PDB file of N, CA and C in Angstrom:
ATOM      1  N   MET A   1      73.369  11.302-112.995  1.00  0.00           N
ATOM      2  CA  MET A   1      73.012  10.648-114.246  1.00  0.00           C
ATOM      3  C   MET A   1      74.241  10.601-115.151  1.00  0.00           C
ATOM      4  N   LYS A   2      74.482   9.453-115.721  1.00  0.00           N
ATOM      5  CA  LYS A   2      75.641   9.294-116.594  1.00  0.00           C
ATOM      6  C   LYS A   2      75.300   9.717-118.015  1.00  0.00           C
ATOM      7  N   ASN A   3      76.283  10.343-118.662  1.00  0.00           N
ATOM      8  CA  ASN A   3      76.074  10.673-120.064  1.00  0.00           C
ATOM      9  C   ASN A   3      76.501   9.488-120.922  1.00  0.00           C
ATOM     10  N   SER A   4      76.242   9.568-122.220  1.00  0.00           N
ATOM     11  CA  SER A   4      76.504   8.427-123.103  1.00  0.00           C
ATOM     12  C   SER A   4      77.991   8.095-123.205  1.00  0.00           C
ATOM     13  N   ALA A   5      78.866   9.078-123.082  1.00  0.00           N
ATOM     14  CA  ALA A   5      80.308   8.810-123.132  1.00  0.00           C
ATOM     15  C   ALA A   5      80.746   7.998-121.916  1.00  0.00           C
ATOM     16  N   ASN A   6      80.206   8.318-120.743  1.00  0.00           N
ATOM     17  CA  ASN A   6      80.541   7.553-119.534  1.00  0.00           C
ATOM     18  C   ASN A   6      80.002   6.131-119.605  1.00  0.00           C
ATOM     19  N   ILE A   7      78.815   5.974-120.149  1.00  0.00           N
ATOM     20  CA  ILE A   7      78.236   4.638-120.298  1.00  0.00           C
ATOM     21  C   ILE A   7      79.082   3.807-121.250  1.00  0.00           C
ATOM     22  N   LEU A   8      79.498   4.406-122.366  1.00  0.00           N
ATOM     23  CA  LEU A   8      80.354   3.700-123.320  1.00  0.00           C
ATOM     24  C   LEU A   8      81.688   3.334-122.683  1.00  0.00           C
ATOM     25  N   ALA A   9      82.270   4.255-121.945  1.00  0.00           N
ATOM     26  CA  ALA A   9      83.547   3.983-121.276  1.00  0.00           C
ATOM     27  C   ALA A   9      83.404   2.833-120.288  1.00  0.00           C
ATOM     28  N   ASP A  10      82.333   2.819-119.516  1.00  0.00           N
ATOM     29  CA  ASP A  10      82.110   1.720-118.570  1.00  0.00           C
ATOM     30  C   ASP A  10      81.962   0.389-119.294  1.00  0.00           C
ATOM     31  N   ARG A  11      81.243   0.381-120.395  1.00  0.00           N
ATOM     32  CA  ARG A  11      81.071  -0.869-121.158  1.00  0.00           C
ATOM     33  C   ARG A  11      82.392  -1.362-121.720  1.00  0.00           C
ATOM     34  N   LEU A  12      83.217  -0.443-122.201  1.00  0.00           N
ATOM     35  CA  LEU A  12      84.534  -0.843-122.711  1.00  0.00           C
ATOM     36  C   LEU A  12      85.415  -1.390-121.589  1.00  0.00           C
ATOM     37  N   ILE A  13      85.336  -0.784-120.422  1.00  0.00           N
ATOM     38  CA  ILE A  13      86.117  -1.274-119.283  1.00  0.00           C
ATOM     39  C   ILE A  13      85.631  -2.658-118.866  1.00  0.00           C
ATOM     40  N   TYR A  14      84.324  -2.879-118.856  1.00  0.00           N
ATOM     41  CA  TYR A  14      83.806  -4.217-118.542  1.00  0.00           C
ATOM     42  C   TYR A  14      84.285  -5.236-119.581  1.00  0.00           C
ATOM     43  N   LEU A  15      84.335  -4.830-120.845  1.00  0.00           N
ATOM     44  CA  LEU A  15      84.823  -5.720-121.900  1.00  0.00           C
ATOM     45  C   LEU A  15      86.268  -6.121-121.635  1.00  0.00           C
ATOM     46  N   THR A  16      87.083  -5.172-121.215  1.00  0.00           N
ATOM     47  CA  THR A  16      88.480  -5.506-120.928  1.00  0.00           C
ATOM     48  C   THR A  16      88.600  -6.465-119.753  1.00  0.00           C
ATOM     49  N   SER A  17      87.621  -6.462-118.865  1.00  0.00           N
ATOM     50  CA  SER A  17      87.688  -7.378-117.725  1.00  0.00           C
ATOM     51  C   SER A  17      87.571  -8.830-118.165  1.00  0.00           C
ATOM     52  N   PHE A  18      87.062  -9.076-119.366  1.00  0.00           N
ATOM     53  CA  PHE A  18      87.028 -10.430-119.918  1.00  0.00           C
ATOM     54  C   PHE A  18      88.243 -10.709-120.791  1.00  0.00           C
ATOM     55  N   ILE A  19      88.749  -9.684-121.456  1.00  0.00           N
ATOM     56  CA  ILE A  19      89.863  -9.864-122.389  1.00  0.00           C
ATOM     57  C   ILE A  19      91.194  -9.998-121.662  1.00  0.00           C
ATOM     58  N   ILE A  20      91.443  -9.173-120.677  1.00  0.00           N
ATOM     59  CA  ILE A  20      92.752  -9.153-120.007  1.00  0.00           C
ATOM     60  C   ILE A  20      93.124 -10.509-119.406  1.00  0.00           C
ATOM     61  N   PRO A  21      92.230 -11.186-118.681  1.00  0.00           N
ATOM     62  CA  PRO A  21      92.633 -12.504-118.164  1.00  0.00           C
ATOM     63  C   PRO A  21      92.984 -13.497-119.270  1.00  0.00           C
ATOM     64  N   LEU A  22      92.332 -13.386-120.415  1.00  0.00           N
ATOM     65  CA  LEU A  22      92.639 -14.285-121.531  1.00  0.00           C
ATOM     66  C   LEU A  22      94.051 -14.070-122.064  1.00  0.00           C
ATOM     67  N   ILE A  23      94.553 -12.850-121.940  1.00  0.00           N
ATOM     68  CA  ILE A  23      95.905 -12.539-122.405  1.00  0.00           C
ATOM     69  C   ILE A  23      96.939 -13.324-121.604  1.00  0.00           C
ATOM     70  N   PHE A  24      96.650 -13.592-120.352  1.00  0.00           N
ATOM     71  CA  PHE A  24      97.594 -14.311-119.492  1.00  0.00           C
ATOM     72  C   PHE A  24      97.603 -15.818-119.736  1.00  0.00           C
ATOM     73  N   LEU A  25      96.557 -16.369-120.331  1.00  0.00           N
ATOM     74  CA  LEU A  25      96.462 -17.820-120.487  1.00  0.00           C
ATOM     75  C   LEU A  25      97.632 -18.444-121.240  1.00  0.00           C
ATOM     76  N   PRO A  26      98.096 -17.881-122.363  1.00  0.00           N
ATOM     77  CA  PRO A  26      99.255 -18.497-123.026  1.00  0.00           C
ATOM     78  C   PRO A  26     100.503 -18.519-122.146  1.00  0.00           C
ATOM     79  N   GLN A  27     100.741 -17.466-121.382  1.00  0.00           N
ATOM     80  CA  GLN A  27     101.913 -17.434-120.504  1.00  0.00           C
ATOM     81  C   GLN A  27     101.789 -18.471-119.398  1.00  0.00           C
ATOM     82  N   ILE A  28     100.612 -18.594-118.841  1.00  0.00           N
ATOM     83  CA  ILE A  28     100.391 -19.597-117.798  1.00  0.00           C
ATOM     84  C   ILE A  28     100.592 -20.995-118.369  1.00  0.00           C
ATOM     85  N   HIS A  29     100.078 -21.234-119.569  1.00  0.00           N
ATOM     86  CA  HIS A  29     100.241 -22.539-120.225  1.00  0.00           C
ATOM     87  C   HIS A  29     101.716 -22.858-120.449  1.00  0.00           C
ATOM     88  N   VAL A  30     102.470 -21.904-120.977  1.00  0.00           N
ATOM     89  CA  VAL A  30     103.903 -22.118-121.223  1.00  0.00           C
ATOM     90  C   VAL A  30     104.632 -22.412-119.916  1.00  0.00           C
ATOM     91  N   LEU A  31     104.320 -21.676-118.875  1.00  0.00           N
ATOM     92  CA  LEU A  31     104.966 -21.913-117.578  1.00  0.00           C
ATOM     93  C   LEU A  31     104.659 -23.312-117.046  1.00  0.00           C
ATOM     94  N   LEU A  32     103.415 -23.720-117.139  1.00  0.00           N
ATOM     95  CA  LEU A  32     103.030 -25.026-116.614  1.00  0.00           C
ATOM     96  C   LEU A  32     103.623 -26.177-117.420  1.00  0.00           C
ATOM     97  N   VAL A  33     103.726 -26.005-118.734  1.00  0.00           N
ATOM     98  CA  VAL A  33     104.247 -27.074-119.589  1.00  0.00           C
ATOM     99  C   VAL A  33     105.764 -27.127-119.549  1.00  0.00           C
ATOM    100  N   SER A  34     106.423 -25.979-119.697  1.00  0.00           N
ATOM    101  CA  SER A  34     107.888 -25.964-119.787  1.00  0.00           C
ATOM    102  C   SER A  34     108.573 -25.971-118.425  1.00  0.00           C
ATOM    103  N   LYS A  35     107.874 -25.491-117.413  1.00  0.00           N
ATOM    104  CA  LYS A  35     108.431 -25.384-116.057  1.00  0.00           C
ATOM    105  C   LYS A  35     109.740 -24.592-116.027  1.00  0.00           C
ATOM    106  N   THR A  36     109.853 -23.636-116.926  1.00  0.00           N
ATOM    107  CA  THR A  36     111.027 -22.768-116.969  1.00  0.00           C
ATOM    108  C   THR A  36     110.576 -21.311-116.998  1.00  0.00           C
ATOM    109  N   THR A  37     111.396 -20.450-116.416  1.00  0.00           N
ATOM    110  CA  THR A  37     111.041 -19.031-116.344  1.00  0.00           C
ATOM    111  C   THR A  37     112.025 -18.162-117.117  1.00  0.00           C
ATOM    112  N   ALA A  38     112.797 -18.782-117.989  1.00  0.00           N
ATOM    113  CA  ALA A  38     113.779 -18.027-118.774  1.00  0.00           C
ATOM    114  C   ALA A  38     113.072 -16.945-119.588  1.00  0.00           C
ATOM    115  N   GLY A  39     113.601 -15.751-119.517  1.00  0.00           N
ATOM    116  CA  GLY A  39     113.058 -14.645-120.296  1.00  0.00           C
ATOM    117  C   GLY A  39     111.892 -13.925-119.645  1.00  0.00           C
ATOM    118  N   ILE A  40     111.514 -14.328-118.444  1.00  0.00           N
ATOM    119  CA  ILE A  40     110.410 -13.670-117.753  1.00  0.00           C
ATOM    120  C   ILE A  40     110.988 -12.803-116.637  1.00  0.00           C
ATOM    121  N   SER A  41     110.649 -11.535-116.660  1.00  0.00           N
ATOM    122  CA  SER A  41     111.152 -10.604-115.656  1.00  0.00           C
ATOM    123  C   SER A  41     110.210 -10.573-114.454  1.00  0.00           C
ATOM    124  N   LEU A  42     110.676 -11.120-113.341  1.00  0.00           N
ATOM    125  CA  LEU A  42     109.877 -11.105-112.119  1.00  0.00           C
ATOM    126  C   LEU A  42     109.673  -9.675-111.626  1.00  0.00           C
ATOM    127  N   LEU A  43     110.687  -8.841-111.778  1.00  0.00           N
ATOM    128  CA  LEU A  43     110.570  -7.440-111.364  1.00  0.00           C
ATOM    129  C   LEU A  43     109.456  -6.736-112.132  1.00  0.00           C
ATOM    130  N   MET A  44     109.381  -6.955-113.432  1.00  0.00           N
ATOM    131  CA  MET A  44     108.326  -6.343-114.243  1.00  0.00           C
ATOM    132  C   MET A  44     106.950  -6.816-113.783  1.00  0.00           C
ATOM    133  N   LEU A  45     106.834  -8.100-113.490  1.00  0.00           N
ATOM    134  CA  LEU A  45     105.553  -8.631-113.027  1.00  0.00           C
ATOM    135  C   LEU A  45     105.161  -8.027-111.680  1.00  0.00           C
ATOM    136  N   LEU A  46     106.127  -7.937-110.774  1.00  0.00           N
ATOM    137  CA  LEU A  46     105.842  -7.370-109.454  1.00  0.00           C
ATOM    138  C   LEU A  46     105.476  -5.889-109.537  1.00  0.00           C
ATOM    139  N   LEU A  47     106.175  -5.149-110.386  1.00  0.00           N
ATOM    140  CA  LEU A  47     105.842  -3.728-110.558  1.00  0.00           C
ATOM    141  C   LEU A  47     104.469  -3.564-111.201  1.00  0.00           C
ATOM    142  N   SER A  48     104.130  -4.439-112.143  1.00  0.00           N
ATOM    143  CA  SER A  48     102.797  -4.402-112.751  1.00  0.00           C
ATOM    144  C   SER A  48     101.724  -4.653-111.704  1.00  0.00           C
ATOM    145  N   ALA A  49     101.967  -5.615-110.826  1.00  0.00           N
ATOM    146  CA  ALA A  49     101.004  -5.902-109.762  1.00  0.00           C
ATOM    147  C   ALA A  49     100.867  -4.712-108.815  1.00  0.00           C
ATOM    148  N   LEU A  50     101.975  -4.054-108.522  1.00  0.00           N
ATOM    149  CA  LEU A  50     101.931  -2.874-107.657  1.00  0.00           C
ATOM    150  C   LEU A  50     101.098  -1.762-108.291  1.00  0.00           C
ATOM    151  N   VAL A  51     101.354  -1.484-109.556  1.00  0.00           N
ATOM    152  CA  VAL A  51     100.606  -0.430-110.257  1.00  0.00           C
ATOM    153  C   VAL A  51      99.124  -0.781-110.323  1.00  0.00           C
ATOM    154  N   GLN A  52      98.822  -2.035-110.639  1.00  0.00           N
ATOM    155  CA  GLN A  52      97.416  -2.432-110.709  1.00  0.00           C
ATOM    156  C   GLN A  52      96.751  -2.365-109.339  1.00  0.00           C
ATOM    157  N   SER A  53      97.504  -2.644-108.292  1.00  0.00           N
ATOM    158  CA  SER A  53      96.953  -2.527-106.936  1.00  0.00           C
ATOM    159  C   SER A  53      96.609  -1.078-106.606  1.00  0.00           C
ATOM    160  N   ILE A  54      97.415  -0.157-107.089  1.00  0.00           N
ATOM    161  CA  ILE A  54      97.124   1.268-106.892  1.00  0.00           C
ATOM    162  C   ILE A  54      95.843   1.645-107.632  1.00  0.00           C
ATOM    163  N   TYR A  55      95.700   1.158-108.870  1.00  0.00           N
ATOM    164  CA  TYR A  55      94.462   1.406-109.612  1.00  0.00           C
ATOM    165  C   TYR A  55      93.265   0.769-108.910  1.00  0.00           C
ATOM    166  N   LEU A  56      93.469  -0.410-108.331  1.00  0.00           N
ATOM    167  CA  LEU A  56      92.397  -1.076-107.600  1.00  0.00           C
ATOM    168  C   LEU A  56      91.959  -0.229-106.406  1.00  0.00           C
ATOM    169  N   PHE A  57      92.924   0.310-105.679  1.00  0.00           N
ATOM    170  CA  PHE A  57      92.610   1.189-104.551  1.00  0.00           C
ATOM    171  C   PHE A  57      91.855   2.429-105.027  1.00  0.00           C
ATOM    172  N   LYS A  58      92.298   3.013-106.134  1.00  0.00           N
ATOM    173  CA  LYS A  58      91.634   4.196-106.697  1.00  0.00           C
ATOM    174  C   LYS A  58      90.195   3.869-107.083  1.00  0.00           C
ATOM    175  N   ALA A  59      90.007   2.721-107.734  1.00  0.00           N
ATOM    176  CA  ALA A  59      88.666   2.317-108.149  1.00  0.00           C
ATOM    177  C   ALA A  59      87.762   2.096-106.940  1.00  0.00           C
ATOM    178  N   PHE A  60      88.312   1.483-105.894  1.00  0.00           N
ATOM    179  CA  PHE A  60      87.540   1.243-104.679  1.00  0.00           C
ATOM    180  C   PHE A  60      87.201   2.556-103.978  1.00  0.00           C
ATOM    181  N   ALA A  61      88.188   3.429-103.850  1.00  0.00           N
ATOM    182  CA  ALA A  61      87.988   4.697-103.140  1.00  0.00           C
ATOM    183  C   ALA A  61      87.001   5.610-103.860  1.00  0.00           C
ATOM    184  N   SER A  62      87.026   5.581-105.186  1.00  0.00           N
ATOM    185  CA  SER A  62      86.135   6.463-105.947  1.00  0.00           C
ATOM    186  C   SER A  62      84.859   5.761-106.401  1.00  0.00           C
ATOM    187  N   LYS A  63      84.675   4.517-105.959  1.00  0.00           N
ATOM    188  CA  LYS A  63      83.464   3.741-106.259  1.00  0.00           C
ATOM    189  C   LYS A  63      83.222   3.603-107.758  1.00  0.00           C
ATOM    190  N   GLN A  64      84.294   3.349-108.496  1.00  0.00           N
ATOM    191  CA  GLN A  64      84.193   3.116-109.934  1.00  0.00           C
ATOM    192  C   GLN A  64      84.096   1.609-110.164  1.00  0.00           C
ATOM    193  N   ARG A  65      82.882   1.130-110.202  1.00  0.00           N
ATOM    194  CA  ARG A  65      82.642  -0.312-110.252  1.00  0.00           C
ATOM    195  C   ARG A  65      83.263  -0.967-111.482  1.00  0.00           C
ATOM    196  N   ALA A  66      83.141  -0.354-112.640  1.00  0.00           N
ATOM    197  CA  ALA A  66      83.678  -0.952-113.863  1.00  0.00           C
ATOM    198  C   ALA A  66      85.190  -1.122-113.760  1.00  0.00           C
ATOM    199  N   LEU A  67      85.865  -0.104-113.285  1.00  0.00           N
ATOM    200  CA  LEU A  67      87.318  -0.179-113.131  1.00  0.00           C
ATOM    201  C   LEU A  67      87.696  -1.197-112.059  1.00  0.00           C
ATOM    202  N   LEU A  68      86.928  -1.271-111.006  1.00  0.00           N
ATOM    203  CA  LEU A  68      87.173  -2.239-109.938  1.00  0.00           C
ATOM    204  C   LEU A  68      87.099  -3.670-110.475  1.00  0.00           C
ATOM    205  N   VAL A  69      86.094  -3.957-111.269  1.00  0.00           N
ATOM    206  CA  VAL A  69      85.943  -5.291-111.862  1.00  0.00           C
ATOM    207  C   VAL A  69      87.084  -5.581-112.820  1.00  0.00           C
ATOM    208  N   SER A  70      87.417  -4.624-113.669  1.00  0.00           N
ATOM    209  CA  SER A  70      88.464  -4.823-114.665  1.00  0.00           C
ATOM    210  C   SER A  70      89.832  -5.058-114.033  1.00  0.00           C
ATOM    211  N   VAL A  71      90.199  -4.226-113.090  1.00  0.00           N
ATOM    212  CA  VAL A  71      91.515  -4.365-112.457  1.00  0.00           C
ATOM    213  C   VAL A  71      91.578  -5.645-111.627  1.00  0.00           C
ATOM    214  N   SER A  72      90.505  -5.976-110.944  1.00  0.00           N
ATOM    215  CA  SER A  72      90.481  -7.214-110.159  1.00  0.00           C
ATOM    216  C   SER A  72      90.653  -8.431-111.054  1.00  0.00           C
ATOM    217  N   SER A  73      89.972  -8.432-112.192  1.00  0.00           N
ATOM    218  CA  SER A  73      90.072  -9.578-113.097  1.00  0.00           C
ATOM    219  C   SER A  73      91.449  -9.672-113.739  1.00  0.00           C
ATOM    220  N   SER A  74      92.166  -8.591-113.779  1.00  0.00           N
ATOM    221  CA  SER A  74      93.529  -8.601-114.302  1.00  0.00           C
ATOM    222  C   SER A  74      94.535  -9.039-113.244  1.00  0.00           C
ATOM    223  N   LEU A  75      94.305  -8.642-112.010  1.00  0.00           N
ATOM    224  CA  LEU A  75      95.237  -8.984-110.929  1.00  0.00           C
ATOM    225  C   LEU A  75      95.249 -10.479-110.611  1.00  0.00           C
ATOM    226  N   ILE A  76      94.132 -11.147-110.780  1.00  0.00           N
ATOM    227  CA  ILE A  76      94.059 -12.571-110.438  1.00  0.00           C
ATOM    228  C   ILE A  76      95.025 -13.401-111.283  1.00  0.00           C
ATOM    229  N   PRO A  77      94.956 -13.346-112.623  1.00  0.00           N
ATOM    230  CA  PRO A  77      95.924 -14.145-113.392  1.00  0.00           C
ATOM    231  C   PRO A  77      97.354 -13.619-113.284  1.00  0.00           C
ATOM    232  N   LEU A  78      97.516 -12.310-113.114  1.00  0.00           N
ATOM    233  CA  LEU A  78      98.864 -11.761-112.942  1.00  0.00           C
ATOM    234  C   LEU A  78      99.515 -12.341-111.693  1.00  0.00           C
ATOM    235  N   ASN A  79      98.766 -12.404-110.605  1.00  0.00           N
ATOM    236  CA  ASN A  79      99.308 -13.005-109.387  1.00  0.00           C
ATOM    237  C   ASN A  79      99.572 -14.494-109.569  1.00  0.00           C
ATOM    238  N   GLY A  80      98.760 -15.152-110.390  1.00  0.00           N
ATOM    239  CA  GLY A  80      99.021 -16.556-110.705  1.00  0.00           C
ATOM    240  C   GLY A  80     100.342 -16.730-111.429  1.00  0.00           C
ATOM    241  N   VAL A  81     100.614 -15.865-112.394  1.00  0.00           N
ATOM    242  CA  VAL A  81     101.887 -15.917-113.122  1.00  0.00           C
ATOM    243  C   VAL A  81     103.043 -15.636-112.169  1.00  0.00           C
ATOM    244  N   ILE A  82     102.890 -14.653-111.310  1.00  0.00           N
ATOM    245  CA  ILE A  82     103.945 -14.326-110.341  1.00  0.00           C
ATOM    246  C   ILE A  82     104.238 -15.531-109.447  1.00  0.00           C
ATOM    247  N   MET A  83     103.195 -16.179-108.956  1.00  0.00           N
ATOM    248  CA  MET A  83     103.400 -17.344-108.092  1.00  0.00           C
ATOM    249  C   MET A  83     104.089 -18.483-108.843  1.00  0.00           C
ATOM    250  N   LEU A  84     103.701 -18.707-110.101  1.00  0.00           N
ATOM    251  CA  LEU A  84     104.348 -19.758-110.892  1.00  0.00           C
ATOM    252  C   LEU A  84     105.815 -19.442-111.140  1.00  0.00           C
ATOM    253  N   VAL A  85     106.118 -18.192-111.465  1.00  0.00           N
ATOM    254  CA  VAL A  85     107.511 -17.804-111.705  1.00  0.00           C
ATOM    255  C   VAL A  85     108.334 -17.998-110.434  1.00  0.00           C
ATOM    256  N   ILE A  86     107.822 -17.553-109.314  1.00  0.00           N
ATOM    257  CA  ILE A  86     108.554 -17.728-108.050  1.00  0.00           C
ATOM    258  C   ILE A  86     108.741 -19.211-107.743  1.00  0.00           C
ATOM    259  N   TYR A  87     107.699 -20.000-107.926  1.00  0.00           N
ATOM    260  CA  TYR A  87     107.788 -21.434-107.638  1.00  0.00           C
ATOM    261  C   TYR A  87     108.834 -22.109-108.523  1.00  0.00           C
ATOM    262  N   TYR A  88     108.730 -21.907-109.837  1.00  0.00           N
ATOM    263  CA  TYR A  88     109.654 -22.592-110.751  1.00  0.00           C
ATOM    264  C   TYR A  88     111.075 -22.043-110.657  1.00  0.00           C
ATOM    265  N   ARG A  89     111.222 -20.778-110.331  1.00  0.00           N
ATOM    266  CA  ARG A  89     112.553 -20.188-110.262  1.00  0.00           C
ATOM    267  C   ARG A  89     113.274 -20.529-108.957  1.00  0.00           C
ATOM    268  N   TYR A  90     112.551 -20.602-107.860  1.00  0.00           N
ATOM    269  CA  TYR A  90     113.213 -20.740-106.559  1.00  0.00           C
ATOM    270  C   TYR A  90     112.936 -22.050-105.819  1.00  0.00           C
ATOM    271  N   PHE A  91     111.892 -22.775-106.203  1.00  0.00           N
ATOM    272  CA  PHE A  91     111.538 -23.975-105.443  1.00  0.00           C
ATOM    273  C   PHE A  91     111.491 -25.250-106.274  1.00  0.00           C
ATOM    274  N   PHE A  92     111.603 -25.159-107.581  1.00  0.00           N
ATOM    275  CA  PHE A  92     111.464 -26.345-108.432  1.00  0.00           C
ATOM    276  C   PHE A  92     112.803 -26.796-108.938  1.00  0.00           C
TER     277      PHE A  92
END
C-alpha cells in the first residue's frame, strides 16, 4: 500500500511526463526553421540520452511505472533533437 507521499511523488512525476516534452519544442522548432546547429552541444545531448537511458533501465527493473512514463516521454523528443543535430551538422 502506498502512503500519501508516494502517491504525491508519482503524480508529480506523471506531471513532468507532459511538461518535459514541451520543453524540447522550441529547440526542435529552431532547428527545423534555421537548419543550423550552432551553439548546440551534441556531446551534451548524447550524455543526457545516456543518463536518461540508465534511469529508464532503473525504472523498468524496479517497476516504477511513473518514472518509466516520465523518462520515456523525455527520451523521445531528446532523440529527435539529437537526430536533427546530426542531420543538419553532418548531412545537410
